[in-house]
C-alpha atoms as a PDB file:
ATOM      1  CA  MET A   1      11.234   2.417 -19.571  1.00  0.00           C
ATOM      2  CA  ASP A   2      12.673   5.068 -17.126  1.00  0.00           C
ATOM      3  CA  PRO A   3      15.360   3.559 -15.030  1.00  0.00           C
ATOM      4  CA  VAL A   4      13.824   4.396 -11.777  1.00  0.00           C
ATOM      5  CA  VAL A   5      10.743   2.519 -12.894  1.00  0.00           C
ATOM      6  CA  GLU A   6      12.596  -0.280 -14.294  1.00  0.00           C
ATOM      7  CA  THR A   7      14.352  -0.777 -10.815  1.00  0.00           C
ATOM      8  CA  VAL A   8      11.185  -0.657  -8.988  1.00  0.00           C
ATOM      9  CA  VAL A   9       9.543  -3.330 -11.325  1.00  0.00           C
ATOM     10  CA  GLY A  10      12.482  -5.229 -10.980  1.00  0.00           C
ATOM     11  CA  ASN A  11      12.573  -4.987  -7.283  1.00  0.00           C
ATOM     12  CA  LEU A  12       8.639  -6.139  -7.117  1.00  0.00           C
ATOM     13  CA  GLU A  13       9.361  -9.086  -9.218  1.00  0.00           C
ATOM     14  CA  GLN A  14      12.277 -10.450  -6.969  1.00  0.00           C
ATOM     15  CA  LEU A  15       9.634  -9.642  -4.069  1.00  0.00           C
ATOM     16  CA  ARG A  16       7.006 -11.837  -5.770  1.00  0.00           C
ATOM     17  CA  GLN A  17       9.718 -14.619  -6.149  1.00  0.00           C
ATOM     18  CA  ASP A  18      10.863 -14.533  -2.418  1.00  0.00           C
ATOM     19  CA  ILE A  19       7.367 -14.555  -1.566  1.00  0.00           C
ATOM     20  CA  HIS A  20       6.851 -17.850  -3.416  1.00  0.00           C
ATOM     21  CA  ALA A  21       9.932 -19.182  -2.102  1.00  0.00           C
ATOM     22  CA  GLY A  22       9.240 -18.391   1.382  1.00  0.00           C
ATOM     23  CA  LEU A  23       5.525 -19.399   1.340  1.00  0.00           C
ATOM     24  CA  ALA A  24       5.236 -22.154  -0.936  1.00  0.00           C
ATOM     25  CA  GLY A  25       3.963 -25.587   0.838  1.00  0.00           C
ATOM     26  CA  GLN A  26       2.718 -23.239   3.995  1.00  0.00           C
ATOM     27  CA  SER A  27      -0.272 -24.923   5.552  1.00  0.00           C
ATOM     28  CA  ALA A  28      -3.495 -23.113   5.928  1.00  0.00           C
ATOM     29  CA  ALA A  29      -3.299 -23.136   9.663  1.00  0.00           C
ATOM     30  CA  ALA A  30       0.265 -21.241   9.194  1.00  0.00           C
ATOM     31  CA  LEU A  31      -0.954 -18.987   6.884  1.00  0.00           C
ATOM     32  CA  ASN A  32      -4.095 -17.942   9.037  1.00  0.00           C
ATOM     33  CA  TRP A  33      -2.251 -18.201  12.515  1.00  0.00           C
ATOM     34  CA  ARG A  34      -2.396 -14.933  14.822  1.00  0.00           C
ATOM     35  CA  PRO A  35       0.818 -14.825  16.790  1.00  0.00           C
ATOM     36  CA  TYR A  36      -1.113 -12.840  19.424  1.00  0.00           C
ATOM     37  CA  PRO A  37      -4.717 -12.062  19.812  1.00  0.00           C
ATOM     38  CA  GLY A  38      -5.340  -9.236  17.276  1.00  0.00           C
ATOM     39  CA  GLY A  39      -2.182  -9.957  15.838  1.00  0.00           C
ATOM     40  CA  ASN A  40      -1.593 -10.220  11.819  1.00  0.00           C
ATOM     41  CA  THR A  41      -1.759 -13.257   9.815  1.00  0.00           C
ATOM     42  CA  ILE A  42       0.146 -14.238   6.791  1.00  0.00           C
ATOM     43  CA  ALA A  43      -2.904 -13.934   4.798  1.00  0.00           C
ATOM     44  CA  GLY A  44      -3.891 -10.587   6.181  1.00  0.00           C
ATOM     45  CA  LEU A  45      -0.546  -9.114   5.865  1.00  0.00           C
ATOM     46  CA  LEU A  46      -0.123 -10.212   2.090  1.00  0.00           C
ATOM     47  CA  ALA A  47      -3.656  -8.823   1.451  1.00  0.00           C
ATOM     48  CA  HIS A  48      -2.768  -5.763   3.116  1.00  0.00           C
ATOM     49  CA  MET A  49       0.424  -5.267   1.035  1.00  0.00           C
ATOM     50  CA  ILE A  50      -1.256  -5.823  -2.354  1.00  0.00           C
ATOM     51  CA  GLU A  51      -4.234  -3.433  -1.408  1.00  0.00           C
ATOM     52  CA  SER A  52      -2.120  -0.560   0.135  1.00  0.00           C
ATOM     53  CA  SER A  53       0.603  -0.836  -2.940  1.00  0.00           C
ATOM     54  CA  THR A  54      -2.235  -0.427  -5.371  1.00  0.00           C
ATOM     55  CA  PHE A  55      -3.484   2.384  -3.571  1.00  0.00           C
ATOM     56  CA  LEU A  56      -0.193   4.119  -3.048  1.00  0.00           C
ATOM     57  CA  LEU A  57       0.611   3.507  -6.899  1.00  0.00           C
ATOM     58  CA  ALA A  58      -2.749   4.912  -7.850  1.00  0.00           C
ATOM     59  CA  THR A  59      -2.573   8.072  -5.345  1.00  0.00           C
ATOM     60  CA  GLY A  60       0.900   8.900  -6.881  1.00  0.00           C
ATOM     61  CA  ARG A  61      -0.699   9.295 -10.348  1.00  0.00           C
ATOM     62  CA  GLY A  62      -3.639  11.292  -9.121  1.00  0.00           C
ATOM     63  CA  GLU A  63      -6.011   8.477  -9.104  1.00  0.00           C
ATOM     64  CA  THR A  64      -8.356   8.094  -6.339  1.00  0.00           C
ATOM     65  CA  ILE A  65      -9.434   4.453  -5.506  1.00  0.00           C
ATOM     66  CA  GLU A  66     -11.667   3.099  -2.507  1.00  0.00           C
ATOM     67  CA  ARG A  67      -9.641   1.194   0.401  1.00  0.00           C
ATOM     68  CA  HIS A  68     -10.769  -1.454   2.342  1.00  0.00           C
ATOM     69  CA  ARG A  69      -8.076  -1.730   5.084  1.00  0.00           C
ATOM     70  CA  ASP A  70     -10.227  -3.675   7.765  1.00  0.00           C
ATOM     71  CA  GLU A  71     -11.169  -6.470   5.192  1.00  0.00           C
ATOM     72  CA  GLN A  72      -7.463  -6.696   4.094  1.00  0.00           C
ATOM     73  CA  PHE A  73      -6.150  -7.814   7.779  1.00  0.00           C
ATOM     74  CA  ALA A  74      -9.322  -9.999   8.055  1.00  0.00           C
ATOM     75  CA  ALA A  75      -8.406 -12.151   4.899  1.00  0.00           C
ATOM     76  CA  THR A  76      -7.824 -15.944   5.057  1.00  0.00           C
ATOM     77  CA  SER A  77      -6.436 -18.432   2.644  1.00  0.00           C
ATOM     78  CA  PRO A  78      -7.640 -22.079   2.370  1.00  0.00           C
ATOM     79  CA  ASP A  79      -3.863 -23.161   1.095  1.00  0.00           C
ATOM     80  CA  ALA A  80      -0.412 -21.657  -0.081  1.00  0.00           C
ATOM     81  CA  ALA A  81      -1.299 -22.374  -3.856  1.00  0.00           C
ATOM     82  CA  THR A  82      -4.240 -20.267  -3.470  1.00  0.00           C
ATOM     83  CA  LEU A  83      -2.581 -17.302  -1.746  1.00  0.00           C
ATOM     84  CA  LEU A  84       0.346 -17.440  -4.143  1.00  0.00           C
ATOM     85  CA  ALA A  85      -2.011 -17.385  -7.267  1.00  0.00           C
ATOM     86  CA  GLN A  86      -3.640 -14.357  -5.854  1.00  0.00           C
ATOM     87  CA  VAL A  87      -0.235 -12.694  -5.260  1.00  0.00           C
ATOM     88  CA  ASP A  88       0.544 -13.749  -9.062  1.00  0.00           C
ATOM     89  CA  ALA A  89      -2.668 -11.950 -10.094  1.00  0.00           C
ATOM     90  CA  ALA A  90      -2.074  -8.717  -8.253  1.00  0.00           C
ATOM     91  CA  TRP A  91       1.568  -8.733  -9.003  1.00  0.00           C
ATOM     92  CA  THR A  92       0.535  -8.127 -12.553  1.00  0.00           C
ATOM     93  CA  THR A  93      -1.438  -5.406 -11.726  1.00  0.00           C
ATOM     94  CA  LEU A  94       1.134  -3.774  -9.509  1.00  0.00           C
ATOM     95  CA  GLN A  95       3.786  -3.843 -12.096  1.00  0.00           C
ATOM     96  CA  ALA A  96       1.579  -2.494 -14.623  1.00  0.00           C
ATOM     97  CA  ARG A  97       0.787   0.421 -12.346  1.00  0.00           C
ATOM     98  CA  ALA A  98       4.353   1.023 -11.619  1.00  0.00           C
ATOM     99  CA  SER A  99       5.277   0.675 -15.221  1.00  0.00           C
ATOM    100  CA  ALA A 100       2.894   3.559 -16.058  1.00  0.00           C
ATOM    101  CA  TYR A 101       4.701   6.115 -14.167  1.00  0.00           C
ATOM    102  CA  THR A 102       6.315   8.782 -16.224  1.00  0.00           C
ATOM    103  CA  PRO A 103       8.664  11.588 -15.124  1.00  0.00           C
ATOM    104  CA  ALA A 104       5.793  14.099 -15.132  1.00  0.00           C
ATOM    105  CA  ASP A 105       4.111  11.746 -12.477  1.00  0.00           C
ATOM    106  CA  PHE A 106       7.714  11.864 -10.134  1.00  0.00           C
ATOM    107  CA  ALA A 107       7.401  15.470  -9.907  1.00  0.00           C
ATOM    108  CA  ALA A 108       3.393  15.769  -9.469  1.00  0.00           C
ATOM    109  CA  GLN A 109       2.513  16.686  -5.860  1.00  0.00           C
ATOM    110  CA  TYR A 110      -0.205  14.685  -3.879  1.00  0.00           C
ATOM    111  CA  SER A 111      -1.513  14.595  -0.192  1.00  0.00           C
ATOM    112  CA  MET A 112      -0.519  11.545   1.832  1.00  0.00           C
ATOM    113  CA  ARG A 113      -2.492  12.033   5.198  1.00  0.00           C
ATOM    114  CA  GLY A 114      -2.177  15.550   5.071  1.00  0.00           C
ATOM    115  CA  THR A 115       1.510  15.816   3.951  1.00  0.00           C
ATOM    116  CA  PRO A 116       2.362  16.903   0.426  1.00  0.00           C
ATOM    117  CA  ARG A 117       4.242  14.113  -1.257  1.00  0.00           C
ATOM    118  CA  THR A 118       5.712  13.535  -4.800  1.00  0.00           C
ATOM    119  CA  GLY A 119       4.774  10.883  -7.189  1.00  0.00           C
ATOM    120  CA  ALA A 120       8.213   9.347  -6.773  1.00  0.00           C
ATOM    121  CA  TRP A 121       7.647   9.150  -3.323  1.00  0.00           C
ATOM    122  CA  PHE A 122       4.704   7.026  -3.600  1.00  0.00           C
ATOM    123  CA  LEU A 123       6.292   4.923  -6.363  1.00  0.00           C
ATOM    124  CA  LEU A 124       9.562   4.339  -4.038  1.00  0.00           C
ATOM    125  CA  HIS A 125       7.472   4.091  -1.146  1.00  0.00           C
ATOM    126  CA  ILE A 126       5.624   0.845  -2.081  1.00  0.00           C
ATOM    127  CA  GLY A 127       8.891  -1.139  -1.798  1.00  0.00           C
ATOM    128  CA  GLU A 128       9.713  -0.022   1.731  1.00  0.00           C
ATOM    129  CA  HIS A 129       6.299  -0.630   2.929  1.00  0.00           C
ATOM    130  CA  MET A 130       6.269  -4.010   1.453  1.00  0.00           C
ATOM    131  CA  LEU A 131       9.415  -5.158   2.644  1.00  0.00           C
ATOM    132  CA  GLU A 132       8.487  -4.149   6.037  1.00  0.00           C
ATOM    133  CA  HIS A 133       5.620  -6.461   5.727  1.00  0.00           C
ATOM    134  CA  TRP A 134       7.543  -9.169   3.959  1.00  0.00           C
ATOM    135  CA  GLY A 135       9.883  -9.095   7.176  1.00  0.00           C
ATOM    136  CA  GLN A 136       6.707  -9.383   9.273  1.00  0.00           C
ATOM    137  CA  ILE A 137       5.396 -12.286   7.284  1.00  0.00           C
ATOM    138  CA  GLN A 138       8.675 -14.333   7.446  1.00  0.00           C
ATOM    139  CA  LEU A 139       8.865 -13.878  11.223  1.00  0.00           C
ATOM    140  CA  THR A 140       5.283 -14.961  11.561  1.00  0.00           C
ATOM    141  CA  ARG A 141       5.831 -18.018   9.464  1.00  0.00           C
ATOM    142  CA  ASP A 142       9.101 -18.847  11.460  1.00  0.00           C
ATOM    143  CA  LEU A 143       7.253 -18.310  14.957  1.00  0.00           C
ATOM    144  CA  TYR A 144       4.407 -20.463  13.849  1.00  0.00           C
ATOM    145  CA  ALA A 145       6.733 -23.459  12.795  1.00  0.00           C
ATOM    146  CA  GLN A 146       8.572 -23.071  16.034  1.00  0.00           C
ATOM    147  CA  GLN A 147       5.216 -23.316  18.136  1.00  0.00           C
ATOM    148  CA  ALA A 148       3.803 -26.028  15.902  1.00  0.00           C
ATOM    149  CA  GLY A 149       6.849 -28.166  16.770  1.00  0.00           C
END
């Protein structure tokens, strides 16, 4: 496996483990809580992380997939176990998509919102994007715990 691809896949696995450690045992109320009107829930942010990363990984290899951005942020979860099982199922797909990248994919050019990007940019950008939202999820979790007493 290419060392860059191997690193991305390893980072994805570490993030999956961190998500498990950070969200295991959280209540449905915590997972579905909005910190302010119109704010994002933990469940919604995770759904967005998964769907947007799938989209980015596909786009970076010249594939076109449909997006459902509004539905992502409206996602809810009945409990942490269900949410983490969804994460695990999605991560298998994300890691397989990332593992499929080749040096030719790295060099290929695709458009992202009108800006030309290489396949390498798409592969590397998923980590940046996911970690941004993982930080938001941790903050939301901690804010919920604080306000819930």
